[in-house]
Amino acid sequence: MNKYCSLVFVLAAFAAISVNPQQTLAQEPQKGPDIAEMAAKKAEELERTLKLEYWQVFYVDSTLQHDYLAMQTEMEKFQKAKVSNVSMYMDVQDRWMETIDSTFRTIFNEDQWKAYLKSGAEKQQKARAKRRAKAEKSLEK
């Protein structure tokens, strides 16, 4: 699964969780994967593809659990406030994905970082930069 598919999976899971947070919390067995499961799956995927050391897997998993939860919390605040502007949700997602990439840069060695970028992260970084530039340009008008 490439980075883009993982991102789509994460967004779909957030959407499923945040469509009706009260209903999701009220259900005993959660139907979709929770934050810890998503983080663990992504950490395992990166462990295989980048040949991470055990300590790196721990930091990747911890980072993802924290940052996915923080991203979900921000998105739920927007939903509770009935924000319908998609670009605001994208901004939250982009900000947290930048934070994740920044942290990963400190965890991975040079070869792992290059492999991570080649696996789709570089393309996503460019897309985020393009959205950021577009948003900044629209503010200048």
N, C-alpha and C. Protein backbone atom coordinates (compact mmCIF):
# COMPACT_ATOMS: atom_id res chain seq x y z
N MET A 1 0.85 -1.16 0.00
CA MET A 1 0.00 0.00 0.00
C MET A 1 0.90 1.23 0.00
N ASN A 2 0.67 2.10 -0.95
CA ASN A 2 1.53 3.28 -1.01
C ASN A 2 1.03 4.36 -0.05
N LYS A 3 1.79 5.41 0.07
CA LYS A 3 1.49 6.48 1.03
C LYS A 3 0.15 7.14 0.72
N TYR A 4 -0.18 7.30 -0.57
CA TYR A 4 -1.44 7.93 -0.95
C TYR A 4 -2.62 7.09 -0.48
N CYS A 5 -2.53 5.78 -0.70
CA CYS A 5 -3.60 4.87 -0.26
C CYS A 5 -3.74 4.92 1.26
N SER A 6 -2.62 4.98 1.95
CA SER A 6 -2.65 5.05 3.41
C SER A 6 -3.35 6.33 3.85
N LEU A 7 -3.06 7.43 3.19
CA LEU A 7 -3.68 8.69 3.54
C LEU A 7 -5.18 8.64 3.30
N VAL A 8 -5.57 8.07 2.17
CA VAL A 8 -7.00 7.93 1.87
C VAL A 8 -7.67 7.06 2.93
N PHE A 9 -6.99 5.99 3.33
CA PHE A 9 -7.51 5.10 4.36
C PHE A 9 -7.69 5.86 5.67
N VAL A 10 -6.72 6.65 6.04
CA VAL A 10 -6.79 7.42 7.28
C VAL A 10 -7.93 8.42 7.21
N LEU A 11 -8.05 9.12 6.09
CA LEU A 11 -9.13 10.10 5.95
C LEU A 11 -10.50 9.42 5.98
N ALA A 12 -10.61 8.26 5.33
CA ALA A 12 -11.88 7.52 5.35
C ALA A 12 -12.22 7.08 6.77
N ALA A 13 -11.22 6.64 7.49
CA ALA A 13 -11.45 6.23 8.88
C ALA A 13 -11.88 7.42 9.72
N PHE A 14 -11.22 8.58 9.53
CA PHE A 14 -11.60 9.78 10.27
C PHE A 14 -13.02 10.19 9.92
N ALA A 15 -13.35 10.10 8.64
CA ALA A 15 -14.69 10.46 8.22
C ALA A 15 -15.72 9.54 8.86
N ALA A 16 -15.42 8.25 8.87
CA ALA A 16 -16.34 7.29 9.48
C ALA A 16 -16.51 7.55 10.97
N ILE A 17 -15.42 7.88 11.63
CA ILE A 17 -15.47 8.14 13.06
C ILE A 17 -16.19 9.44 13.35
N SER A 18 -15.96 10.44 12.51
CA SER A 18 -16.47 11.76 12.83
C SER A 18 -17.81 12.08 12.19
N VAL A 19 -18.36 11.19 11.38
CA VAL A 19 -19.68 11.44 10.81
C VAL A 19 -20.69 11.62 11.92
N ASN A 20 -20.65 10.73 12.88
CA ASN A 20 -21.51 10.84 14.05
C ASN A 20 -20.72 10.36 15.25
N PRO A 21 -19.93 11.22 15.86
CA PRO A 21 -19.06 10.80 16.95
C PRO A 21 -19.82 10.17 18.12
N GLN A 22 -21.02 10.66 18.41
CA GLN A 22 -21.78 10.10 19.53
C GLN A 22 -22.15 8.65 19.24
N GLN A 23 -22.57 8.39 18.01
CA GLN A 23 -22.95 7.04 17.63
C GLN A 23 -21.73 6.12 17.66
N THR A 24 -20.60 6.60 17.17
CA THR A 24 -19.39 5.80 17.16
C THR A 24 -18.96 5.45 18.58
N LEU A 25 -19.02 6.42 19.48
CA LEU A 25 -18.62 6.17 20.86
C LEU A 25 -19.60 5.25 21.57
N ALA A 26 -20.87 5.30 21.18
CA ALA A 26 -21.88 4.50 21.84
C ALA A 26 -21.79 3.02 21.47
N GLN A 27 -21.24 2.72 20.32
CA GLN A 27 -21.14 1.33 19.89
C GLN A 27 -20.05 0.64 20.67
N GLU A 28 -20.34 -0.55 21.18
CA GLU A 28 -19.32 -1.30 21.92
C GLU A 28 -18.15 -1.67 21.02
N PRO A 29 -18.36 -2.59 20.06
CA PRO A 29 -17.24 -2.89 19.18
C PRO A 29 -17.21 -1.88 18.04
N GLN A 30 -16.10 -1.19 17.89
CA GLN A 30 -15.99 -0.22 16.81
C GLN A 30 -15.88 -0.96 15.48
N LYS A 31 -16.60 -0.47 14.48
CA LYS A 31 -16.60 -1.13 13.19
C LYS A 31 -15.34 -0.84 12.39
N GLY A 32 -14.87 0.40 12.45
CA GLY A 32 -13.66 0.77 11.72
C GLY A 32 -12.43 0.63 12.60
N PRO A 33 -11.27 0.71 11.99
CA PRO A 33 -10.05 0.62 12.79
C PRO A 33 -9.89 1.87 13.66
N ASP A 34 -9.34 1.68 14.84
CA ASP A 34 -9.12 2.83 15.70
C ASP A 34 -7.73 3.42 15.42
N ILE A 35 -7.45 4.51 16.08
CA ILE A 35 -6.20 5.23 15.85
C ILE A 35 -4.99 4.33 16.11
N ALA A 36 -5.02 3.58 17.20
CA ALA A 36 -3.89 2.71 17.54
C ALA A 36 -3.67 1.66 16.46
N GLU A 37 -4.76 1.10 15.93
CA GLU A 37 -4.64 0.09 14.87
C GLU A 37 -4.07 0.70 13.59
N MET A 38 -4.57 1.87 13.23
CA MET A 38 -4.07 2.53 12.02
C MET A 38 -2.58 2.85 12.15
N ALA A 39 -2.20 3.35 13.31
CA ALA A 39 -0.79 3.70 13.55
C ALA A 39 0.08 2.44 13.50
N ALA A 40 -0.39 1.37 14.13
CA ALA A 40 0.38 0.12 14.15
C ALA A 40 0.54 -0.45 12.74
N LYS A 41 -0.52 -0.42 11.96
CA LYS A 41 -0.44 -0.95 10.59
C LYS A 41 0.54 -0.13 9.75
N LYS A 42 0.46 1.18 9.88
CA LYS A 42 1.38 2.04 9.12
C LYS A 42 2.82 1.83 9.58
N ALA A 43 3.02 1.70 10.89
CA ALA A 43 4.37 1.47 11.43
C ALA A 43 4.92 0.14 10.92
N GLU A 44 4.08 -0.89 10.88
CA GLU A 44 4.51 -2.19 10.36
C GLU A 44 4.86 -2.11 8.88
N GLU A 45 4.05 -1.38 8.15
CA GLU A 45 4.32 -1.20 6.71
C GLU A 45 5.67 -0.50 6.51
N LEU A 46 5.90 0.56 7.26
CA LEU A 46 7.18 1.28 7.14
C LEU A 46 8.34 0.42 7.63
N GLU A 47 8.11 -0.39 8.64
CA GLU A 47 9.16 -1.29 9.13
C GLU A 47 9.60 -2.24 8.01
N ARG A 48 8.62 -2.80 7.29
CA ARG A 48 8.95 -3.71 6.19
C ARG A 48 9.62 -3.00 5.02
N THR A 49 9.03 -1.90 4.60
CA THR A 49 9.53 -1.24 3.38
C THR A 49 10.85 -0.50 3.60
N LEU A 50 11.06 0.04 4.80
CA LEU A 50 12.27 0.83 5.06
C LEU A 50 13.30 0.09 5.90
N LYS A 51 12.95 -1.13 6.31
CA LYS A 51 13.84 -1.94 7.15
C LYS A 51 14.22 -1.17 8.42
N LEU A 52 13.20 -0.75 9.15
CA LEU A 52 13.41 0.03 10.37
C LEU A 52 13.90 -0.85 11.51
N GLU A 53 14.68 -0.26 12.39
CA GLU A 53 15.12 -0.91 13.62
C GLU A 53 13.94 -0.91 14.60
N TYR A 54 14.01 -1.77 15.62
CA TYR A 54 12.91 -1.88 16.58
C TYR A 54 12.61 -0.54 17.25
N TRP A 55 13.65 0.24 17.57
CA TRP A 55 13.43 1.51 18.25
C TRP A 55 12.78 2.52 17.31
N GLN A 56 13.10 2.42 16.01
CA GLN A 56 12.48 3.33 15.06
C GLN A 56 10.98 3.03 14.93
N VAL A 57 10.65 1.75 14.92
CA VAL A 57 9.24 1.35 14.83
C VAL A 57 8.47 1.91 16.03
N PHE A 58 9.08 1.84 17.20
CA PHE A 58 8.45 2.38 18.40
C PHE A 58 8.17 3.88 18.23
N TYR A 59 9.16 4.64 17.78
CA TYR A 59 8.97 6.08 17.60
C TYR A 59 7.98 6.40 16.49
N VAL A 60 8.01 5.64 15.41
CA VAL A 60 7.05 5.86 14.32
C VAL A 60 5.63 5.61 14.82
N ASP A 61 5.43 4.49 15.51
CA ASP A 61 4.11 4.16 16.03
C ASP A 61 3.63 5.22 17.03
N SER A 62 4.50 5.63 17.93
CA SER A 62 4.14 6.65 18.92
C SER A 62 3.78 7.97 18.24
N THR A 63 4.57 8.35 17.26
CA THR A 63 4.31 9.59 16.52
C THR A 63 2.96 9.53 15.84
N LEU A 64 2.71 8.43 15.14
CA LEU A 64 1.45 8.29 14.41
C LEU A 64 0.26 8.28 15.36
N GLN A 65 0.36 7.56 16.46
CA GLN A 65 -0.76 7.54 17.41
C GLN A 65 -1.07 8.94 17.92
N HIS A 66 -0.04 9.66 18.31
CA HIS A 66 -0.25 11.01 18.83
C HIS A 66 -0.81 11.94 17.76
N ASP A 67 -0.17 11.97 16.61
CA ASP A 67 -0.54 12.94 15.58
C ASP A 67 -1.87 12.60 14.91
N TYR A 68 -2.17 11.32 14.69
CA TYR A 68 -3.48 10.94 14.13
C TYR A 68 -4.59 11.35 15.09
N LEU A 69 -4.39 11.12 16.38
CA LEU A 69 -5.39 11.48 17.37
C LEU A 69 -5.59 13.00 17.41
N ALA A 70 -4.49 13.74 17.37
CA ALA A 70 -4.58 15.21 17.38
C ALA A 70 -5.30 15.71 16.13
N MET A 71 -4.99 15.10 14.98
CA MET A 71 -5.66 15.49 13.73
C MET A 71 -7.15 15.18 13.81
N GLN A 72 -7.49 14.02 14.31
CA GLN A 72 -8.89 13.63 14.45
C GLN A 72 -9.62 14.60 15.38
N THR A 73 -8.99 14.96 16.48
CA THR A 73 -9.59 15.88 17.45
C THR A 73 -9.89 17.23 16.80
N GLU A 74 -8.95 17.74 16.04
CA GLU A 74 -9.18 19.03 15.35
C GLU A 74 -10.31 18.93 14.35
N MET A 75 -10.35 17.83 13.61
CA MET A 75 -11.41 17.66 12.61
C MET A 75 -12.77 17.51 13.27
N GLU A 76 -12.81 16.83 14.40
CA GLU A 76 -14.08 16.69 15.12
C GLU A 76 -14.57 18.04 15.64
N LYS A 77 -13.66 18.92 16.04
CA LYS A 77 -14.06 20.27 16.47
C LYS A 77 -14.72 21.01 15.33
N PHE A 78 -14.17 20.89 14.13
CA PHE A 78 -14.78 21.52 12.96
C PHE A 78 -16.15 20.94 12.68
N GLN A 79 -16.27 19.63 12.79
CA GLN A 79 -17.56 19.00 12.52
C GLN A 79 -18.60 19.41 13.56
N LYS A 80 -18.20 19.49 14.83
CA LYS A 80 -19.13 19.92 15.86
C LYS A 80 -19.58 21.35 15.61
N ALA A 81 -18.69 22.15 15.06
CA ALA A 81 -19.02 23.54 14.74
C ALA A 81 -19.72 23.64 13.38
N LYS A 82 -19.94 22.49 12.74
CA LYS A 82 -20.62 22.40 11.44
C LYS A 82 -19.89 23.18 10.34
N VAL A 83 -18.57 23.11 10.37
CA VAL A 83 -17.75 23.73 9.34
C VAL A 83 -17.87 22.88 8.08
N SER A 84 -18.22 23.52 6.97
CA SER A 84 -18.38 22.76 5.73
C SER A 84 -17.30 23.09 4.70
N ASN A 85 -16.38 23.97 5.04
CA ASN A 85 -15.32 24.37 4.14
C ASN A 85 -14.25 23.26 4.09
N VAL A 86 -14.19 22.54 2.98
CA VAL A 86 -13.28 21.42 2.82
C VAL A 86 -11.82 21.86 2.96
N SER A 87 -11.51 23.05 2.51
CA SER A 87 -10.11 23.51 2.57
C SER A 87 -9.63 23.63 4.01
N MET A 88 -10.52 23.89 4.94
CA MET A 88 -10.11 23.97 6.35
C MET A 88 -9.73 22.57 6.87
N TYR A 89 -10.47 21.57 6.45
CA TYR A 89 -10.13 20.19 6.83
C TYR A 89 -8.80 19.78 6.19
N MET A 90 -8.62 20.16 4.93
CA MET A 90 -7.37 19.84 4.24
C MET A 90 -6.19 20.53 4.91
N ASP A 91 -6.41 21.75 5.39
CA ASP A 91 -5.34 22.48 6.08
C ASP A 91 -4.92 21.75 7.36
N VAL A 92 -5.90 21.26 8.10
CA VAL A 92 -5.59 20.49 9.32
C VAL A 92 -4.81 19.25 8.96
N GLN A 93 -5.31 18.53 7.97
CA GLN A 93 -4.63 17.30 7.53
C GLN A 93 -3.21 17.60 7.07
N ASP A 94 -3.05 18.62 6.25
CA ASP A 94 -1.73 18.98 5.73
C ASP A 94 -0.76 19.35 6.86
N ARG A 95 -1.26 20.12 7.82
CA ARG A 95 -0.42 20.53 8.94
C ARG A 95 0.09 19.32 9.72
N TRP A 96 -0.81 18.39 10.00
CA TRP A 96 -0.40 17.21 10.78
C TRP A 96 0.47 16.27 9.96
N MET A 97 0.23 16.16 8.68
CA MET A 97 1.09 15.31 7.85
C MET A 97 2.48 15.92 7.73
N GLU A 98 2.58 17.24 7.70
CA GLU A 98 3.88 17.90 7.72
C GLU A 98 4.61 17.62 9.03
N THR A 99 3.87 17.65 10.12
CA THR A 99 4.46 17.36 11.43
C THR A 99 4.98 15.92 11.46
N ILE A 100 4.19 14.99 10.93
CA ILE A 100 4.61 13.59 10.88
C ILE A 100 5.88 13.45 10.05
N ASP A 101 5.88 14.05 8.86
CA ASP A 101 7.08 13.97 8.01
C ASP A 101 8.30 14.57 8.69
N SER A 102 8.10 15.68 9.36
CA SER A 102 9.21 16.33 10.06
C SER A 102 9.77 15.42 11.16
N THR A 103 8.90 14.77 11.87
CA THR A 103 9.35 13.84 12.92
C THR A 103 10.03 12.63 12.30
N PHE A 104 9.44 12.09 11.23
CA PHE A 104 10.05 10.94 10.55
C PHE A 104 11.46 11.27 10.08
N ARG A 105 11.67 12.50 9.64
CA ARG A 105 12.99 12.91 9.16
C ARG A 105 14.03 12.76 10.26
N THR A 106 13.63 12.98 11.51
CA THR A 106 14.57 12.85 12.62
C THR A 106 14.75 11.39 13.04
N ILE A 107 13.80 10.53 12.71
CA ILE A 107 13.86 9.12 13.10
C ILE A 107 14.62 8.29 12.07
N PHE A 108 14.39 8.57 10.79
CA PHE A 108 14.97 7.75 9.72
C PHE A 108 16.41 8.16 9.43
N ASN A 109 17.21 7.19 9.01
CA ASN A 109 18.54 7.53 8.51
C ASN A 109 18.40 8.02 7.07
N GLU A 110 19.50 8.44 6.48
CA GLU A 110 19.44 9.05 5.15
C GLU A 110 18.84 8.12 4.09
N ASP A 111 19.26 6.86 4.07
CA ASP A 111 18.74 5.91 3.09
C ASP A 111 17.25 5.65 3.30
N GLN A 112 16.85 5.52 4.55
CA GLN A 112 15.44 5.30 4.85
C GLN A 112 14.60 6.50 4.45
N TRP A 113 15.12 7.69 4.70
CA TRP A 113 14.40 8.91 4.33
C TRP A 113 14.21 8.98 2.82
N LYS A 114 15.26 8.68 2.08
CA LYS A 114 15.15 8.69 0.61
C LYS A 114 14.12 7.67 0.13
N ALA A 115 14.13 6.49 0.73
CA ALA A 115 13.17 5.45 0.36
C ALA A 115 11.75 5.88 0.73
N TYR A 116 11.61 6.53 1.86
CA TYR A 116 10.31 7.04 2.29
C TYR A 116 9.78 8.07 1.29
N LEU A 117 10.65 8.97 0.87
CA LEU A 117 10.24 9.97 -0.12
C LEU A 117 9.84 9.31 -1.43
N LYS A 118 10.61 8.33 -1.86
CA LYS A 118 10.31 7.62 -3.11
C LYS A 118 9.02 6.83 -3.02
N SER A 119 8.63 6.43 -1.83
CA SER A 119 7.42 5.62 -1.67
C SER A 119 6.14 6.43 -1.82
N GLY A 120 6.26 7.71 -2.07
CA GLY A 120 5.09 8.55 -2.29
C GLY A 120 5.05 9.78 -1.41
N ALA A 121 5.88 9.83 -0.41
CA ALA A 121 5.86 10.96 0.51
C ALA A 121 6.27 12.26 -0.18
N GLU A 122 7.23 12.17 -1.08
CA GLU A 122 7.69 13.37 -1.77
C GLU A 122 6.57 13.97 -2.61
N LYS A 123 5.81 13.11 -3.27
CA LYS A 123 4.69 13.58 -4.09
C LYS A 123 3.64 14.26 -3.21
N GLN A 124 3.38 13.69 -2.04
CA GLN A 124 2.43 14.29 -1.12
C GLN A 124 2.95 15.61 -0.56
N GLN A 125 4.24 15.68 -0.29
CA GLN A 125 4.83 16.94 0.19
C GLN A 125 4.67 18.03 -0.85
N LYS A 126 4.90 17.68 -2.10
CA LYS A 126 4.75 18.67 -3.18
C LYS A 126 3.30 19.11 -3.32
N ALA A 127 2.37 18.17 -3.17
CA ALA A 127 0.95 18.52 -3.25
C ALA A 127 0.56 19.45 -2.11
N ARG A 128 1.09 19.18 -0.91
CA ARG A 128 0.80 20.06 0.23
C ARG A 128 1.38 21.46 0.00
N ALA A 129 2.59 21.50 -0.52
CA ALA A 129 3.23 22.80 -0.79
C ALA A 129 2.44 23.57 -1.84
N LYS A 130 1.95 22.86 -2.82
CA LYS A 130 1.16 23.50 -3.88
C LYS A 130 -0.15 24.06 -3.30
N ARG A 131 -0.82 23.29 -2.43
CA ARG A 131 -2.05 23.78 -1.80
C ARG A 131 -1.76 24.99 -0.91
N ARG A 132 -0.64 24.92 -0.18
CA ARG A 132 -0.26 26.03 0.70
C ARG A 132 0.00 27.30 -0.12
N ALA A 133 0.73 27.16 -1.23
CA ALA A 133 1.02 28.31 -2.09
C ALA A 133 -0.26 28.89 -2.68
N LYS A 134 -1.17 28.01 -3.07
CA LYS A 134 -2.44 28.46 -3.64
C LYS A 134 -3.24 29.22 -2.59
N ALA A 135 -3.26 28.71 -1.36
CA ALA A 135 -3.99 29.37 -0.28
C ALA A 135 -3.38 30.73 0.03
N GLU A 136 -2.05 30.80 0.07
CA GLU A 136 -1.38 32.06 0.34
C GLU A 136 -1.64 33.07 -0.77
N LYS A 137 -1.65 32.59 -2.00
CA LYS A 137 -1.92 33.47 -3.13
C LYS A 137 -3.33 34.02 -3.08
N SER A 138 -4.29 33.18 -2.68
CA SER A 138 -5.68 33.64 -2.60
C SER A 138 -5.87 34.65 -1.47
N LEU A 139 -5.04 34.56 -0.43
CA LEU A 139 -5.12 35.54 0.66
C LEU A 139 -4.57 36.91 0.25
N GLU A 140 -3.63 36.91 -0.69
CA GLU A 140 -3.02 38.15 -1.13
C GLU A 140 -3.96 39.00 -1.98
N LYS A 141 -4.92 38.36 -2.57
CA LYS A 141 -5.85 39.09 -3.48
C LYS A 141 -6.79 39.98 -2.77
